[in-house]
Amino acid sequence: MPLFLAERDPGAAEAMDDPDCDRRTLYNTYRQFRYVNAALSRTRSVWRRWLEPAMRDRSRTYSLLDIGFGGGDIPLKLAEWAAKDGYKLQITGIDTDARAIEYVRGLRRPENVIFRHASTTELVRNGERYDFVLSNHLLHHLTTDELAVLLREVVQLSRRQALMVDLQRSDIAYALFSVLTLPFFRGSYIRIDGLASLRRSYTFDELRRTAPAEWSVQRLFPFRQVLRYSHERGR
């Protein structure tokens, strides 16, 4: 249990959430997400531990929804790993921020990755379904009521599994991130927003108490946790 960060701070402001923030700095932040996520998000572990084992039939095409794609690096990495491992995976990334859509328009992407300006509510309304639903560093941005709505919609959108990866609030994580990022990521919001995100994030016990009973919370070293829902009992 944290001491310095004993209380969650859901009101901690993140600069990139400001619609009037500097566009160049925001785009630098999107661009640098790929380095932070490659080092810390553990998406590769999520792929190996949960996603790949659930894709047992290489002859069929699976679908995955990534909620809040930000800089678009995680959908692109998932597409790369799927191709290397011989799986057919259609990936849809959605984001409610039009600036993220503008940014990813300049990225090179394979045909099996699409980005859309949309919300989960719209997708539910359209009756869309995906084999897998994924998010990275989204949960701590939401109020308790918003989180409850999102999780209900994610259950409706997913056929097999939902994996919501987020930070785990920790004094050690805060101190390490503060020191190790100090010389890097100039001209972006990575450091200041990362520290705010850690203050806003849940501890393991807090997330377990907040999530509905049918969701499980699992630790993901270092300082990450996965809120997971499976439509396949026992998996």
Protein backbone atom coordinates (compact mmCIF):
# COMPACT_ATOMS: atom_id res chain seq x y z
CA MET A 1 0.00 0.00 0.00
CA PRO A 2 1.46 3.41 -0.94
CA LEU A 3 2.32 5.91 1.78
CA PHE A 4 3.12 9.08 -0.18
CA LEU A 5 0.34 8.25 -2.67
CA ALA A 6 -1.97 6.74 -0.09
CA GLU A 7 -5.02 8.48 -1.55
CA ARG A 8 -5.99 8.30 -5.20
CA ASP A 9 -6.14 11.75 -6.83
CA PRO A 10 -8.79 11.50 -9.57
CA GLY A 11 -8.64 15.26 -10.09
CA ALA A 12 -4.95 15.35 -11.10
CA ALA A 13 -4.94 17.22 -14.42
CA GLU A 14 -3.15 15.89 -17.50
CA ALA A 15 -1.94 18.50 -19.95
CA MET A 16 -2.83 16.54 -23.07
CA ASP A 17 -6.46 16.35 -21.97
CA ASP A 18 -6.69 20.12 -22.39
CA PRO A 19 -8.31 20.78 -25.80
CA ASP A 20 -6.20 23.94 -26.05
CA CYS A 21 -2.84 22.31 -25.31
CA ASP A 22 0.01 22.91 -27.74
CA ARG A 23 -0.55 20.75 -30.82
CA ARG A 24 3.15 20.21 -31.57
CA THR A 25 3.82 19.09 -27.99
CA LEU A 26 0.78 16.81 -28.13
CA TYR A 27 1.96 15.17 -31.36
CA ASN A 28 5.44 14.70 -29.87
CA THR A 29 3.72 12.97 -26.95
CA TYR A 30 1.83 10.65 -29.32
CA ARG A 31 5.09 9.94 -31.16
CA GLN A 32 6.96 9.11 -27.95
CA PHE A 33 4.25 6.82 -26.61
CA ARG A 34 5.79 3.98 -28.61
CA TYR A 35 8.98 4.18 -26.54
CA VAL A 36 7.18 4.34 -23.20
CA ASN A 37 4.76 1.57 -24.13
CA ALA A 38 7.53 -0.63 -25.50
CA ALA A 39 9.41 -0.32 -22.22
CA LEU A 40 6.59 -0.29 -19.68
CA SER A 41 3.11 -1.18 -20.93
CA ARG A 42 3.77 -4.96 -21.10
CA THR A 43 1.60 -5.32 -24.20
CA ARG A 44 3.87 -8.12 -25.42
CA SER A 45 3.12 -10.05 -22.21
CA VAL A 46 -0.61 -9.45 -22.70
CA TRP A 47 -0.28 -10.84 -26.21
CA ARG A 48 1.61 -13.93 -25.11
CA ARG A 49 -0.36 -14.63 -21.93
CA TRP A 50 -3.94 -14.00 -23.01
CA LEU A 51 -4.49 -13.07 -26.65
CA GLU A 52 -2.36 -15.55 -28.57
CA PRO A 53 -3.51 -18.62 -26.60
CA ALA A 54 -7.15 -17.68 -27.31
CA MET A 55 -6.56 -17.67 -31.07
CA ARG A 56 -6.42 -21.41 -31.56
CA ASP A 57 -7.60 -21.55 -35.17
CA ARG A 58 -5.10 -20.05 -37.62
CA SER A 59 -7.54 -20.53 -40.51
CA ARG A 60 -10.02 -17.94 -39.24
CA THR A 61 -9.78 -14.16 -38.82
CA TYR A 62 -10.11 -12.79 -35.31
CA SER A 63 -11.13 -9.25 -34.43
CA LEU A 64 -9.76 -6.93 -31.76
CA LEU A 65 -10.94 -3.53 -30.56
CA ASP A 66 -8.43 -1.16 -28.94
CA ILE A 67 -10.16 1.58 -26.94
CA GLY A 68 -8.36 4.91 -26.68
CA PHE A 69 -5.50 4.19 -29.09
CA GLY A 70 -3.68 7.51 -28.48
CA GLY A 71 -0.62 7.43 -30.74
CA GLY A 72 -1.69 4.20 -32.45
CA ASP A 73 1.47 2.28 -31.57
CA ILE A 74 -0.21 -0.59 -29.72
CA PRO A 75 -2.59 -1.62 -32.55
CA LEU A 76 0.34 -1.48 -34.96
CA LYS A 77 2.49 -3.66 -32.70
CA LEU A 78 -0.31 -6.18 -32.24
CA ALA A 79 -0.70 -6.40 -36.01
CA GLU A 80 3.05 -6.98 -36.36
CA TRP A 81 3.12 -9.76 -33.75
CA ALA A 82 0.02 -11.44 -35.18
CA ALA A 83 1.55 -11.49 -38.67
CA LYS A 84 4.85 -12.88 -37.39
CA ASP A 85 3.07 -15.61 -35.42
CA GLY A 86 0.85 -16.57 -38.34
CA TYR A 87 -2.52 -15.29 -37.06
CA LYS A 88 -5.17 -13.37 -38.97
CA LEU A 89 -6.22 -10.44 -36.82
CA GLN A 90 -8.38 -7.48 -37.83
CA ILE A 91 -7.72 -4.57 -35.47
CA THR A 92 -9.95 -1.55 -34.94
CA GLY A 93 -8.66 1.33 -32.83
CA ILE A 94 -11.10 3.93 -31.55
CA ASP A 95 -10.54 7.24 -29.81
CA THR A 96 -12.94 10.02 -28.86
CA ASP A 97 -10.24 12.67 -29.34
CA ALA A 98 -10.26 14.01 -32.90
CA ARG A 99 -6.62 15.08 -32.46
CA ALA A 100 -5.58 11.42 -32.13
CA ILE A 101 -7.35 10.67 -35.40
CA GLU A 102 -5.52 13.52 -37.10
CA TYR A 103 -2.20 12.20 -35.82
CA VAL A 104 -2.64 8.59 -36.93
CA ARG A 105 -3.62 9.67 -40.44
CA GLY A 106 0.08 10.31 -40.97
CA LEU A 107 1.15 6.82 -39.88
CA ARG A 108 1.91 3.91 -42.17
CA ARG A 109 -0.36 1.01 -41.30
CA PRO A 110 -1.23 -2.41 -42.68
CA GLU A 111 -4.65 -3.04 -44.21
CA ASN A 112 -5.82 -5.01 -41.16
CA VAL A 113 -5.55 -1.96 -38.87
CA ILE A 114 -8.15 0.81 -38.99
CA PHE A 115 -8.58 3.84 -36.77
CA ARG A 116 -11.96 5.41 -36.07
CA HIS A 117 -13.22 8.50 -34.26
CA ALA A 118 -15.82 6.75 -32.12
CA SER A 119 -16.87 5.82 -28.59
CA THR A 120 -17.81 2.47 -27.10
CA THR A 121 -21.36 3.76 -26.69
CA GLU A 122 -21.63 4.32 -30.44
CA LEU A 123 -20.27 0.85 -31.18
CA VAL A 124 -22.76 -0.77 -28.79
CA ARG A 125 -25.55 1.21 -30.41
CA ASN A 126 -24.42 -0.09 -33.81
CA GLY A 127 -24.46 -3.68 -32.53
CA GLU A 128 -20.73 -4.21 -33.15
CA ARG A 129 -18.90 -7.16 -31.60
CA TYR A 130 -15.21 -8.10 -31.42
CA ASP A 131 -13.46 -11.27 -30.29
CA PHE A 132 -11.17 -9.26 -28.03
CA VAL A 133 -11.39 -5.82 -26.45
CA LEU A 134 -8.26 -4.11 -25.16
CA SER A 135 -7.35 -0.80 -23.57
CA ASN A 136 -4.09 0.62 -22.25
CA HIS A 137 -3.90 3.32 -19.57
CA LEU A 138 -7.55 4.26 -19.94
CA LEU A 139 -9.19 3.30 -16.64
CA HIS A 140 -7.55 5.94 -14.46
CA HIS A 141 -8.94 8.70 -16.71
CA LEU A 142 -12.53 7.78 -15.82
CA THR A 143 -14.84 8.67 -12.97
CA THR A 144 -16.37 5.78 -11.04
CA ASP A 145 -19.64 6.17 -12.96
CA GLU A 146 -17.83 6.37 -16.31
CA LEU A 147 -15.85 3.24 -15.46
CA ALA A 148 -19.02 1.33 -14.63
CA VAL A 149 -20.59 2.33 -17.96
CA LEU A 150 -17.45 1.43 -19.90
CA LEU A 151 -17.20 -2.03 -18.36
CA ARG A 152 -20.85 -2.79 -19.13
CA GLU A 153 -20.31 -1.72 -22.73
CA VAL A 154 -17.09 -3.70 -23.04
CA VAL A 155 -18.91 -6.87 -21.99
CA GLN A 156 -21.43 -6.21 -24.77
CA LEU A 157 -18.71 -5.51 -27.32
CA SER A 158 -16.53 -8.55 -26.59
CA ARG A 159 -17.16 -12.15 -27.62
CA ARG A 160 -14.21 -13.82 -25.89
CA GLN A 161 -12.08 -11.64 -23.62
CA ALA A 162 -11.64 -8.06 -22.48
CA LEU A 163 -8.28 -6.92 -21.14
CA MET A 164 -8.04 -3.45 -19.62
CA VAL A 165 -4.40 -2.74 -18.78
CA ASP A 166 -3.65 0.15 -16.47
CA LEU A 167 -1.10 1.59 -14.08
CA GLN A 168 -0.89 0.41 -10.49
CA ARG A 169 -0.39 3.33 -8.10
CA SER A 170 2.83 2.98 -6.17
CA ASP A 171 5.31 5.25 -4.40
CA ILE A 172 8.17 3.33 -6.00
CA ALA A 173 6.67 3.60 -9.49
CA TYR A 174 6.18 7.35 -9.01
CA ALA A 175 9.74 7.89 -7.80
CA LEU A 176 11.31 5.77 -10.55
CA PHE A 177 9.27 7.37 -13.32
CA SER A 178 10.03 10.84 -12.00
CA VAL A 179 13.80 10.24 -11.95
CA LEU A 180 14.24 8.04 -15.02
CA THR A 181 12.22 10.26 -17.36
CA LEU A 182 13.83 13.52 -16.24
CA PRO A 183 16.57 13.54 -18.93
CA PHE A 184 14.23 12.38 -21.70
CA PHE A 185 10.97 13.22 -23.45
CA ARG A 186 11.62 16.92 -23.81
CA GLY A 187 9.05 18.74 -25.87
CA SER A 188 6.27 16.36 -24.86
CA TYR A 189 3.83 15.77 -22.03
CA ILE A 190 5.15 12.29 -21.23
CA ARG A 191 6.73 13.11 -17.88
CA ILE A 192 4.22 15.52 -16.37
CA ASP A 193 1.20 13.55 -17.56
CA GLY A 194 2.77 10.24 -16.57
CA LEU A 195 3.18 11.46 -13.00
CA ALA A 196 -0.40 12.77 -12.97
CA SER A 197 -1.58 9.40 -14.32
CA LEU A 198 0.16 7.58 -11.48
CA ARG A 199 -1.58 9.82 -8.94
CA ARG A 200 -4.93 9.13 -10.61
CA SER A 201 -4.46 5.37 -10.93
CA TYR A 202 -5.79 2.63 -8.66
CA THR A 203 -3.96 0.31 -6.32
CA PHE A 204 -4.60 -3.39 -6.84
CA ASP A 205 -7.07 -3.56 -3.94
CA GLU A 206 -8.89 -0.39 -5.00
CA LEU A 207 -9.43 -1.68 -8.52
CA ARG A 208 -10.59 -5.06 -7.22
CA ARG A 209 -13.14 -3.34 -4.97
CA THR A 210 -14.29 -1.00 -7.74
CA ALA A 211 -14.70 -3.58 -10.50
CA PRO A 212 -17.86 -5.71 -10.83
CA ALA A 213 -17.60 -9.20 -9.33
CA GLU A 214 -17.42 -10.94 -12.72
CA TRP A 215 -14.20 -9.09 -13.57
CA SER A 216 -10.85 -10.28 -12.22
CA VAL A 217 -7.80 -8.14 -11.46
CA GLN A 218 -4.35 -9.56 -12.12
CA ARG A 219 -0.96 -8.04 -11.48
CA LEU A 220 1.40 -7.39 -14.36
CA PHE A 221 4.98 -6.66 -13.34
CA PRO A 222 6.18 -3.94 -13.03
CA PHE A 223 3.52 -1.59 -11.65
CA ARG A 224 0.77 -2.66 -14.04
CA GLN A 225 -2.50 -4.49 -13.55
CA VAL A 226 -5.05 -6.06 -15.87
CA LEU A 227 -8.78 -5.88 -15.35
CA ARG A 228 -9.98 -8.95 -17.22
CA TYR A 229 -13.34 -10.34 -18.32
CA SER A 230 -13.71 -13.71 -20.02
CA HIS A 231 -16.81 -15.01 -21.75
CA GLU A 232 -15.24 -18.47 -21.60
CA ARG A 233 -15.77 -19.79 -18.11
CA GLY A 234 -12.61 -20.99 -16.42
CA ARG A 235 -10.24 -19.34 -18.89
